[in-house]
Amino acid sequence: MTIKRSMTTLMAGIWLVAAFLLWPAANVTAAALAEDEKQVIAANEAFYSAFRSNDMAAMEAVWSQTEQIAVIHPGWPELNGRAQVLESWRKILTGTGAPPNIHSVNARAYVYPGSAFVICYENLGGAYMIATNIFARENGEWRMVHHQAGPTPTPTHLGQPI
């Protein structure tokens, strides 16, 4: 019994030391992840800002210049490649334009090494769409590689529209 208790105490001590030694690394990782999440949410907001303001130059800057990109607008077929994707945005922004009150609501970022995605609701001034926006890290910045939005029931939080 004494040897077993000594081994248990020794193992508990080893785990305690390991946790103490690894704790700063875990904090750095958590802090880095939180920073990446903030940056991805900011990139997502930059997309909606460009959309809302009909700013084609800002829209071009949001999208990746080095990765394959694609978009699926509601009711449109898949468009892929930088030329097709940006031409679709050009048509939207110079045609009927963006809904003037489009805002990303309840955006949640999911970050992985080198890539991330955001799921959010698009508030169109009372009507809602749900969107998935995928980003890749490009030269230290998060750039969009895919956007897809579609209809959704009015989202609720605690019984109230968001």
N, C-alpha and C. Protein backbone atom coordinates (compact mmCIF):
# COMPACT_ATOMS: atom_id res chain seq x y z
N MET A 1 0.82 -1.19 0.00
CA MET A 1 0.00 0.00 0.00
C MET A 1 0.87 1.25 0.00
N THR A 2 1.93 1.26 0.75
CA THR A 2 2.81 2.41 0.85
C THR A 2 3.45 2.73 -0.49
N ILE A 3 3.90 1.70 -1.21
CA ILE A 3 4.51 1.92 -2.53
C ILE A 3 3.47 2.46 -3.49
N LYS A 4 2.27 1.91 -3.48
CA LYS A 4 1.22 2.37 -4.37
C LYS A 4 0.87 3.83 -4.07
N ARG A 5 0.78 4.19 -2.78
CA ARG A 5 0.48 5.57 -2.40
C ARG A 5 1.62 6.49 -2.81
N SER A 6 2.85 6.04 -2.68
CA SER A 6 4.00 6.85 -3.08
C SER A 6 4.00 7.09 -4.59
N MET A 7 3.67 6.05 -5.35
CA MET A 7 3.62 6.18 -6.80
C MET A 7 2.51 7.16 -7.21
N THR A 8 1.36 7.07 -6.55
CA THR A 8 0.25 7.97 -6.85
C THR A 8 0.64 9.41 -6.54
N THR A 9 1.30 9.63 -5.41
CA THR A 9 1.75 10.97 -5.02
C THR A 9 2.79 11.48 -6.02
N LEU A 10 3.72 10.61 -6.43
CA LEU A 10 4.74 10.98 -7.40
C LEU A 10 4.09 11.37 -8.73
N MET A 11 3.15 10.58 -9.19
CA MET A 11 2.49 10.87 -10.47
C MET A 11 1.71 12.19 -10.37
N ALA A 12 1.04 12.42 -9.26
CA ALA A 12 0.31 13.67 -9.08
C ALA A 12 1.29 14.85 -9.10
N GLY A 13 2.45 14.68 -8.49
CA GLY A 13 3.46 15.73 -8.48
C GLY A 13 3.99 15.99 -9.88
N ILE A 14 4.21 14.94 -10.65
CA ILE A 14 4.69 15.10 -12.03
C ILE A 14 3.66 15.86 -12.85
N TRP A 15 2.38 15.49 -12.72
CA TRP A 15 1.33 16.20 -13.45
C TRP A 15 1.25 17.67 -13.04
N LEU A 16 1.42 17.94 -11.75
CA LEU A 16 1.38 19.31 -11.27
C LEU A 16 2.53 20.13 -11.85
N VAL A 17 3.74 19.56 -11.86
CA VAL A 17 4.90 20.25 -12.43
C VAL A 17 4.70 20.45 -13.93
N ALA A 18 4.23 19.43 -14.62
CA ALA A 18 4.02 19.55 -16.07
C ALA A 18 2.99 20.63 -16.36
N ALA A 19 1.91 20.67 -15.60
CA ALA A 19 0.89 21.70 -15.81
C ALA A 19 1.46 23.09 -15.55
N PHE A 20 2.27 23.22 -14.50
CA PHE A 20 2.88 24.51 -14.19
C PHE A 20 3.83 24.96 -15.30
N LEU A 21 4.62 24.03 -15.82
CA LEU A 21 5.58 24.37 -16.87
C LEU A 21 4.89 24.66 -18.20
N LEU A 22 3.80 23.97 -18.50
CA LEU A 22 3.12 24.14 -19.77
C LEU A 22 2.09 25.27 -19.76
N TRP A 23 1.69 25.74 -18.58
CA TRP A 23 0.64 26.75 -18.49
C TRP A 23 0.95 28.00 -19.31
N PRO A 24 2.16 28.59 -19.24
CA PRO A 24 2.41 29.78 -20.06
C PRO A 24 2.24 29.51 -21.55
N ALA A 25 2.66 28.35 -22.04
CA ALA A 25 2.50 28.02 -23.46
C ALA A 25 1.02 27.93 -23.81
N ALA A 26 0.22 27.37 -22.92
CA ALA A 26 -1.21 27.26 -23.17
C ALA A 26 -1.84 28.65 -23.22
N ASN A 27 -1.39 29.55 -22.34
CA ASN A 27 -1.92 30.91 -22.36
C ASN A 27 -1.54 31.63 -23.64
N VAL A 28 -0.32 31.46 -24.11
CA VAL A 28 0.10 32.11 -25.35
C VAL A 28 -0.75 31.59 -26.50
N THR A 29 -0.97 30.31 -26.54
CA THR A 29 -1.79 29.72 -27.60
C THR A 29 -3.22 30.26 -27.53
N ALA A 30 -3.78 30.32 -26.35
CA ALA A 30 -5.13 30.86 -26.20
C ALA A 30 -5.18 32.33 -26.60
N ALA A 31 -4.16 33.08 -26.22
CA ALA A 31 -4.11 34.50 -26.57
C ALA A 31 -3.96 34.67 -28.08
N ALA A 32 -3.12 33.84 -28.70
CA ALA A 32 -2.94 33.92 -30.15
C ALA A 32 -4.23 33.55 -30.87
N LEU A 33 -4.91 32.53 -30.37
CA LEU A 33 -6.18 32.13 -30.96
C LEU A 33 -7.21 33.25 -30.84
N ALA A 34 -7.28 33.87 -29.68
CA ALA A 34 -8.22 34.97 -29.48
C ALA A 34 -7.90 36.13 -30.42
N GLU A 35 -6.62 36.42 -30.62
CA GLU A 35 -6.23 37.48 -31.55
C GLU A 35 -6.62 37.13 -32.98
N ASP A 36 -6.38 35.88 -33.38
CA ASP A 36 -6.79 35.45 -34.72
C ASP A 36 -8.30 35.57 -34.90
N GLU A 37 -9.06 35.18 -33.88
CA GLU A 37 -10.52 35.30 -33.96
C GLU A 37 -10.93 36.76 -34.17
N LYS A 38 -10.29 37.68 -33.43
CA LYS A 38 -10.59 39.10 -33.60
C LYS A 38 -10.26 39.57 -35.01
N GLN A 39 -9.13 39.12 -35.53
CA GLN A 39 -8.73 39.53 -36.87
C GLN A 39 -9.67 38.96 -37.94
N VAL A 40 -10.12 37.74 -37.75
CA VAL A 40 -11.06 37.13 -38.71
C VAL A 40 -12.40 37.86 -38.66
N ILE A 41 -12.87 38.18 -37.47
CA ILE A 41 -14.13 38.94 -37.34
C ILE A 41 -13.96 40.32 -37.98
N ALA A 42 -12.79 40.94 -37.83
CA ALA A 42 -12.53 42.24 -38.47
C ALA A 42 -12.52 42.10 -39.99
N ALA A 43 -11.93 41.03 -40.51
CA ALA A 43 -11.94 40.80 -41.96
C ALA A 43 -13.36 40.57 -42.45
N ASN A 44 -14.15 39.86 -41.66
CA ASN A 44 -15.55 39.63 -42.00
C ASN A 44 -16.30 40.96 -42.04
N GLU A 45 -16.05 41.81 -41.07
CA GLU A 45 -16.72 43.12 -41.03
C GLU A 45 -16.26 43.99 -42.20
N ALA A 46 -14.99 43.89 -42.59
CA ALA A 46 -14.49 44.65 -43.75
C ALA A 46 -15.26 44.25 -45.01
N PHE A 47 -15.56 42.96 -45.14
CA PHE A 47 -16.36 42.49 -46.27
C PHE A 47 -17.74 43.15 -46.27
N TYR A 48 -18.42 43.13 -45.11
CA TYR A 48 -19.76 43.71 -45.05
C TYR A 48 -19.73 45.23 -45.19
N SER A 49 -18.68 45.86 -44.74
CA SER A 49 -18.53 47.31 -44.92
C SER A 49 -18.40 47.65 -46.41
N ALA A 50 -17.57 46.88 -47.13
CA ALA A 50 -17.41 47.10 -48.57
C ALA A 50 -18.73 46.86 -49.28
N PHE A 51 -19.44 45.82 -48.89
CA PHE A 51 -20.73 45.47 -49.48
C PHE A 51 -21.74 46.61 -49.24
N ARG A 52 -21.85 47.01 -47.98
CA ARG A 52 -22.83 48.02 -47.58
C ARG A 52 -22.58 49.37 -48.27
N SER A 53 -21.31 49.71 -48.48
CA SER A 53 -20.97 51.02 -49.05
C SER A 53 -20.79 50.99 -50.57
N ASN A 54 -21.04 49.81 -51.18
CA ASN A 54 -20.87 49.66 -52.64
C ASN A 54 -19.47 50.04 -53.09
N ASP A 55 -18.47 49.67 -52.30
CA ASP A 55 -17.08 50.06 -52.55
C ASP A 55 -16.34 48.90 -53.23
N MET A 56 -16.24 48.97 -54.55
CA MET A 56 -15.61 47.88 -55.30
C MET A 56 -14.14 47.72 -54.97
N ALA A 57 -13.42 48.81 -54.78
CA ALA A 57 -11.99 48.71 -54.43
C ALA A 57 -11.82 47.98 -53.09
N ALA A 58 -12.65 48.32 -52.12
CA ALA A 58 -12.58 47.64 -50.82
C ALA A 58 -12.98 46.18 -50.95
N MET A 59 -13.98 45.90 -51.80
CA MET A 59 -14.41 44.51 -52.02
C MET A 59 -13.27 43.71 -52.63
N GLU A 60 -12.58 44.26 -53.61
CA GLU A 60 -11.44 43.57 -54.22
C GLU A 60 -10.36 43.28 -53.18
N ALA A 61 -10.12 44.23 -52.28
CA ALA A 61 -9.07 44.07 -51.27
C ALA A 61 -9.39 42.98 -50.26
N VAL A 62 -10.67 42.73 -50.02
CA VAL A 62 -11.09 41.71 -49.05
C VAL A 62 -10.77 40.30 -49.55
N TRP A 63 -10.87 40.10 -50.85
CA TRP A 63 -10.73 38.75 -51.43
C TRP A 63 -9.27 38.38 -51.65
N SER A 64 -8.97 37.09 -51.49
CA SER A 64 -7.62 36.57 -51.71
C SER A 64 -7.15 36.85 -53.13
N GLN A 65 -5.87 37.16 -53.23
CA GLN A 65 -5.26 37.34 -54.54
C GLN A 65 -4.44 36.13 -54.97
N THR A 66 -4.19 35.21 -54.02
CA THR A 66 -3.32 34.07 -54.33
C THR A 66 -4.02 32.72 -54.28
N GLU A 67 -5.12 32.63 -53.58
CA GLU A 67 -5.83 31.35 -53.43
C GLU A 67 -7.00 31.27 -54.42
N GLN A 68 -7.48 30.06 -54.66
CA GLN A 68 -8.69 29.87 -55.45
C GLN A 68 -9.85 30.43 -54.65
N ILE A 69 -10.74 31.18 -55.29
CA ILE A 69 -11.88 31.75 -54.59
C ILE A 69 -13.18 31.36 -55.28
N ALA A 70 -14.27 31.43 -54.51
CA ALA A 70 -15.59 31.08 -55.04
C ALA A 70 -16.65 31.84 -54.26
N VAL A 71 -17.82 31.98 -54.89
CA VAL A 71 -18.95 32.62 -54.24
C VAL A 71 -20.23 31.95 -54.73
N ILE A 72 -21.21 31.87 -53.85
CA ILE A 72 -22.55 31.43 -54.23
C ILE A 72 -23.51 32.47 -53.68
N HIS A 73 -23.95 33.35 -54.57
CA HIS A 73 -24.96 34.34 -54.20
C HIS A 73 -26.32 33.65 -54.18
N PRO A 74 -27.24 34.12 -53.35
CA PRO A 74 -28.57 33.51 -53.33
C PRO A 74 -29.21 33.51 -54.72
N GLY A 75 -29.60 32.33 -55.19
CA GLY A 75 -30.25 32.20 -56.48
C GLY A 75 -29.30 32.17 -57.67
N TRP A 76 -28.00 32.24 -57.43
CA TRP A 76 -27.01 32.21 -58.51
C TRP A 76 -26.31 30.86 -58.51
N PRO A 77 -25.70 30.49 -59.63
CA PRO A 77 -24.86 29.28 -59.63
C PRO A 77 -23.52 29.60 -58.97
N GLU A 78 -22.76 28.56 -58.72
CA GLU A 78 -21.41 28.75 -58.18
C GLU A 78 -20.58 29.55 -59.17
N LEU A 79 -19.85 30.52 -58.65
CA LEU A 79 -18.89 31.28 -59.46
C LEU A 79 -17.52 31.05 -58.82
N ASN A 80 -16.51 30.77 -59.66
CA ASN A 80 -15.19 30.55 -59.08
C ASN A 80 -14.13 31.24 -59.91
N GLY A 81 -13.00 31.47 -59.26
CA GLY A 81 -11.92 32.22 -59.87
C GLY A 81 -12.10 33.71 -59.61
N ARG A 82 -11.00 34.39 -59.47
CA ARG A 82 -11.03 35.81 -59.12
C ARG A 82 -11.84 36.64 -60.14
N ALA A 83 -11.68 36.38 -61.43
CA ALA A 83 -12.37 37.18 -62.44
C ALA A 83 -13.89 37.04 -62.30
N GLN A 84 -14.40 35.81 -62.20
CA GLN A 84 -15.85 35.61 -62.09
C GLN A 84 -16.40 36.17 -60.79
N VAL A 85 -15.69 35.90 -59.69
CA VAL A 85 -16.18 36.36 -58.39
C VAL A 85 -16.25 37.88 -58.34
N LEU A 86 -15.18 38.54 -58.75
CA LEU A 86 -15.16 40.01 -58.68
C LEU A 86 -16.13 40.63 -59.68
N GLU A 87 -16.31 40.00 -60.83
CA GLU A 87 -17.29 40.51 -61.79
C GLU A 87 -18.71 40.42 -61.20
N SER A 88 -18.98 39.36 -60.47
CA SER A 88 -20.30 39.24 -59.84
C SER A 88 -20.51 40.36 -58.83
N TRP A 89 -19.49 40.68 -58.06
CA TRP A 89 -19.60 41.77 -57.09
C TRP A 89 -19.72 43.12 -57.81
N ARG A 90 -19.01 43.26 -58.90
CA ARG A 90 -19.11 44.51 -59.68
C ARG A 90 -20.56 44.71 -60.15
N LYS A 91 -21.18 43.64 -60.64
CA LYS A 91 -22.57 43.72 -61.10
C LYS A 91 -23.51 44.08 -59.94
N ILE A 92 -23.30 43.45 -58.81
CA ILE A 92 -24.15 43.71 -57.64
C ILE A 92 -23.96 45.14 -57.16
N LEU A 93 -22.71 45.57 -57.03
CA LEU A 93 -22.43 46.88 -56.44
C LEU A 93 -22.75 48.05 -57.37
N THR A 94 -22.68 47.81 -58.69
CA THR A 94 -22.98 48.90 -59.63
C THR A 94 -24.38 48.79 -60.22
N GLY A 95 -25.02 47.65 -60.01
CA GLY A 95 -26.39 47.46 -60.52
C GLY A 95 -27.38 47.98 -59.51
N THR A 96 -28.09 47.06 -58.92
CA THR A 96 -29.08 47.44 -57.92
C THR A 96 -28.40 47.85 -56.62
N GLY A 97 -27.13 47.49 -56.48
CA GLY A 97 -26.40 47.86 -55.28
C GLY A 97 -26.70 46.92 -54.13
N ALA A 98 -25.95 47.13 -53.08
CA ALA A 98 -26.13 46.31 -51.88
C ALA A 98 -27.31 46.84 -51.09
N PRO A 99 -27.93 45.99 -50.32
CA PRO A 99 -28.94 46.50 -49.39
C PRO A 99 -28.25 47.54 -48.48
N PRO A 100 -28.80 48.74 -48.37
CA PRO A 100 -28.10 49.81 -47.66
C PRO A 100 -27.88 49.55 -46.18
N ASN A 101 -28.65 48.66 -45.61
CA ASN A 101 -28.51 48.40 -44.18
C ASN A 101 -27.95 47.03 -43.87
N ILE A 102 -27.25 46.39 -44.81
CA ILE A 102 -26.75 45.04 -44.55
C ILE A 102 -25.68 45.08 -43.45
N HIS A 103 -25.86 44.22 -42.47
CA HIS A 103 -24.92 44.12 -41.36
C HIS A 103 -24.76 42.65 -40.98
N SER A 104 -23.57 42.32 -40.60
CA SER A 104 -23.29 40.99 -40.06
C SER A 104 -23.74 40.98 -38.60
N VAL A 105 -24.49 39.94 -38.24
CA VAL A 105 -25.01 39.83 -36.88
C VAL A 105 -24.61 38.47 -36.31
N ASN A 106 -24.24 38.46 -35.04
CA ASN A 106 -23.88 37.22 -34.34
C ASN A 106 -22.79 36.43 -35.06
N ALA A 107 -21.77 37.13 -35.55
CA ALA A 107 -20.67 36.47 -36.25
C ALA A 107 -19.85 35.64 -35.26
N ARG A 108 -19.58 34.40 -35.65
CA ARG A 108 -18.74 33.50 -34.85
C ARG A 108 -17.61 33.00 -35.73
N ALA A 109 -16.39 33.15 -35.24
CA ALA A 109 -15.22 32.73 -36.00
C ALA A 109 -14.74 31.37 -35.51
N TYR A 110 -14.31 30.55 -36.47
CA TYR A 110 -13.73 29.24 -36.20
C TYR A 110 -12.36 29.26 -36.88
N VAL A 111 -11.30 29.24 -36.09
CA VAL A 111 -9.95 29.47 -36.62
C VAL A 111 -9.12 28.19 -36.57
N TYR A 112 -8.41 27.95 -37.66
CA TYR A 112 -7.49 26.83 -37.79
C TYR A 112 -6.17 27.37 -38.31
N PRO A 113 -5.09 26.59 -38.25
CA PRO A 113 -3.83 27.09 -38.79
C PRO A 113 -3.97 27.44 -40.28
N GLY A 114 -3.87 28.71 -40.60
CA GLY A 114 -3.89 29.14 -41.99
C GLY A 114 -5.25 29.35 -42.60
N SER A 115 -6.33 28.96 -41.92
CA SER A 115 -7.67 29.16 -42.47
C SER A 115 -8.67 29.39 -41.34
N ALA A 116 -9.80 29.94 -41.72
CA ALA A 116 -10.85 30.21 -40.73
C ALA A 116 -12.17 30.35 -41.47
N PHE A 117 -13.26 30.20 -40.74
CA PHE A 117 -14.55 30.51 -41.32
C PHE A 117 -15.40 31.22 -40.30
N VAL A 118 -16.34 32.00 -40.82
CA VAL A 118 -17.29 32.74 -39.98
C VAL A 118 -18.68 32.32 -40.41
N ILE A 119 -19.52 32.03 -39.44
CA ILE A 119 -20.94 31.84 -39.69
C ILE A 119 -21.63 33.04 -39.04
N CYS A 120 -22.46 33.71 -39.82
CA CYS A 120 -23.15 34.89 -39.30
C CYS A 120 -24.51 35.03 -39.98
N TYR A 121 -25.31 35.88 -39.41
CA TYR A 121 -26.56 36.26 -40.05
C TYR A 121 -26.32 37.59 -40.74
N GLU A 122 -26.96 37.77 -41.88
CA GLU A 122 -26.93 39.04 -42.57
C GLU A 122 -28.27 39.72 -42.32
N ASN A 123 -28.23 40.82 -41.59
CA ASN A 123 -29.44 41.59 -41.33
C ASN A 123 -29.61 42.55 -42.49
N LEU A 124 -30.69 42.40 -43.22
CA LEU A 124 -30.98 43.23 -44.39
C LEU A 124 -32.04 44.27 -44.08
N GLY A 125 -32.03 44.74 -42.85
CA GLY A 125 -33.03 45.71 -42.45
C GLY A 125 -34.34 45.06 -42.05
N GLY A 126 -34.27 43.93 -41.40
CA GLY A 126 -35.47 43.22 -40.94
C GLY A 126 -35.62 41.84 -41.53
N ALA A 127 -35.11 41.63 -42.73
CA ALA A 127 -35.06 40.29 -43.32
C ALA A 127 -33.65 39.75 -43.06
N TYR A 128 -33.54 38.43 -43.01
CA TYR A 128 -32.25 37.83 -42.67
C TYR A 128 -31.84 36.78 -43.69
N MET A 129 -30.53 36.67 -43.85
CA MET A 129 -29.90 35.56 -44.58
C MET A 129 -28.90 34.96 -43.59
N ILE A 130 -28.50 33.73 -43.83
CA ILE A 130 -27.41 33.15 -43.06
C ILE A 130 -26.24 32.99 -44.02
N ALA A 131 -25.04 33.25 -43.54
CA ALA A 131 -23.86 33.23 -44.42
C ALA A 131 -22.72 32.46 -43.80
N THR A 132 -21.95 31.85 -44.67
CA THR A 132 -20.67 31.26 -44.30
C THR A 132 -19.61 31.97 -45.13
N ASN A 133 -18.62 32.51 -44.45
CA ASN A 133 -17.51 33.21 -45.09
C ASN A 133 -16.22 32.51 -44.69
N ILE A 134 -15.45 32.08 -45.67
CA ILE A 134 -14.22 31.34 -45.41
C ILE A 134 -13.03 32.23 -45.75
N PHE A 135 -12.03 32.19 -44.89
CA PHE A 135 -10.84 33.03 -45.03
C PHE A 135 -9.58 32.17 -45.02
N ALA A 136 -8.56 32.68 -45.70
CA ALA A 136 -7.22 32.07 -45.67
C ALA A 136 -6.23 33.16 -45.28
N ARG A 137 -5.19 32.75 -44.57
CA ARG A 137 -4.16 33.72 -44.20
C ARG A 137 -3.28 33.92 -45.43
N GLU A 138 -3.12 35.18 -45.80
CA GLU A 138 -2.35 35.54 -46.99
C GLU A 138 -1.45 36.73 -46.61
N ASN A 139 -0.16 36.49 -46.63
CA ASN A 139 0.80 37.55 -46.26
C ASN A 139 0.47 38.17 -44.91
N GLY A 140 0.10 37.33 -43.95
CA GLY A 140 -0.18 37.80 -42.60
C GLY A 140 -1.56 38.39 -42.39
N GLU A 141 -2.37 38.46 -43.43
CA GLU A 141 -3.72 39.02 -43.34
C GLU A 141 -4.75 37.94 -43.65
N TRP A 142 -5.94 38.08 -43.11
CA TRP A 142 -7.03 37.16 -43.42
C TRP A 142 -7.77 37.68 -44.64
N ARG A 143 -7.83 36.86 -45.70
CA ARG A 143 -8.50 37.22 -46.94
C ARG A 143 -9.60 36.21 -47.24
N MET A 144 -10.70 36.69 -47.78
CA MET A 144 -11.83 35.82 -48.08
C MET A 144 -11.52 34.92 -49.27
N VAL A 145 -11.93 33.66 -49.16
CA VAL A 145 -11.80 32.73 -50.28
C VAL A 145 -13.15 32.17 -50.70
N HIS A 146 -14.17 32.34 -49.86
CA HIS A 146 -15.51 31.85 -50.22
C HIS A 146 -16.56 32.60 -49.41
N HIS A 147 -17.67 32.91 -50.09
CA HIS A 147 -18.84 33.49 -49.43
C HIS A 147 -20.07 32.78 -49.98
N GLN A 148 -20.95 32.40 -49.08
CA GLN A 148 -22.22 31.82 -49.48
C GLN A 148 -23.29 32.29 -48.51
N ALA A 149 -24.40 32.76 -49.05
CA ALA A 149 -25.51 33.21 -48.21
C ALA A 149 -26.80 32.62 -48.74
N GLY A 150 -27.73 32.41 -47.84
CA GLY A 150 -29.02 31.87 -48.22
C GLY A 150 -30.08 32.25 -47.21
N PRO A 151 -31.32 32.04 -47.58
CA PRO A 151 -32.44 32.41 -46.70
C PRO A 151 -32.42 31.62 -45.40
N THR A 152 -32.96 32.23 -44.38
CA THR A 152 -33.08 31.59 -43.08
C THR A 152 -34.28 32.20 -42.36
N PRO A 153 -34.89 31.45 -41.47
CA PRO A 153 -35.94 32.08 -40.66
C PRO A 153 -35.31 33.20 -39.82
N THR A 154 -36.13 34.11 -39.36
CA THR A 154 -35.63 35.18 -38.50
C THR A 154 -34.98 34.54 -37.28
N PRO A 155 -33.69 34.82 -37.08
CA PRO A 155 -33.01 34.23 -35.92
C PRO A 155 -33.51 34.87 -34.63
N THR A 156 -33.52 34.10 -33.58
CA THR A 156 -33.94 34.63 -32.29
C THR A 156 -32.90 34.33 -31.23
N HIS A 157 -32.85 35.20 -30.28
CA HIS A 157 -31.99 35.00 -29.12
C HIS A 157 -32.87 35.32 -27.91
N LEU A 158 -33.07 34.35 -27.10
CA LEU A 158 -33.94 34.50 -25.93
C LEU A 158 -35.34 34.97 -26.33
N GLY A 159 -35.81 34.46 -27.48
CA GLY A 159 -37.15 34.76 -27.91
C GLY A 159 -37.33 36.08 -28.64
N GLN A 160 -36.28 36.86 -28.78
CA GLN A 160 -36.35 38.15 -29.44
C GLN A 160 -35.55 38.12 -30.74
N PRO A 161 -36.03 38.80 -31.79
CA PRO A 161 -35.21 38.87 -33.00
C PRO A 161 -33.85 39.50 -32.69
N ILE A 162 -32.82 39.01 -33.35
CA ILE A 162 -31.50 39.57 -33.08
C ILE A 162 -31.26 40.77 -33.96
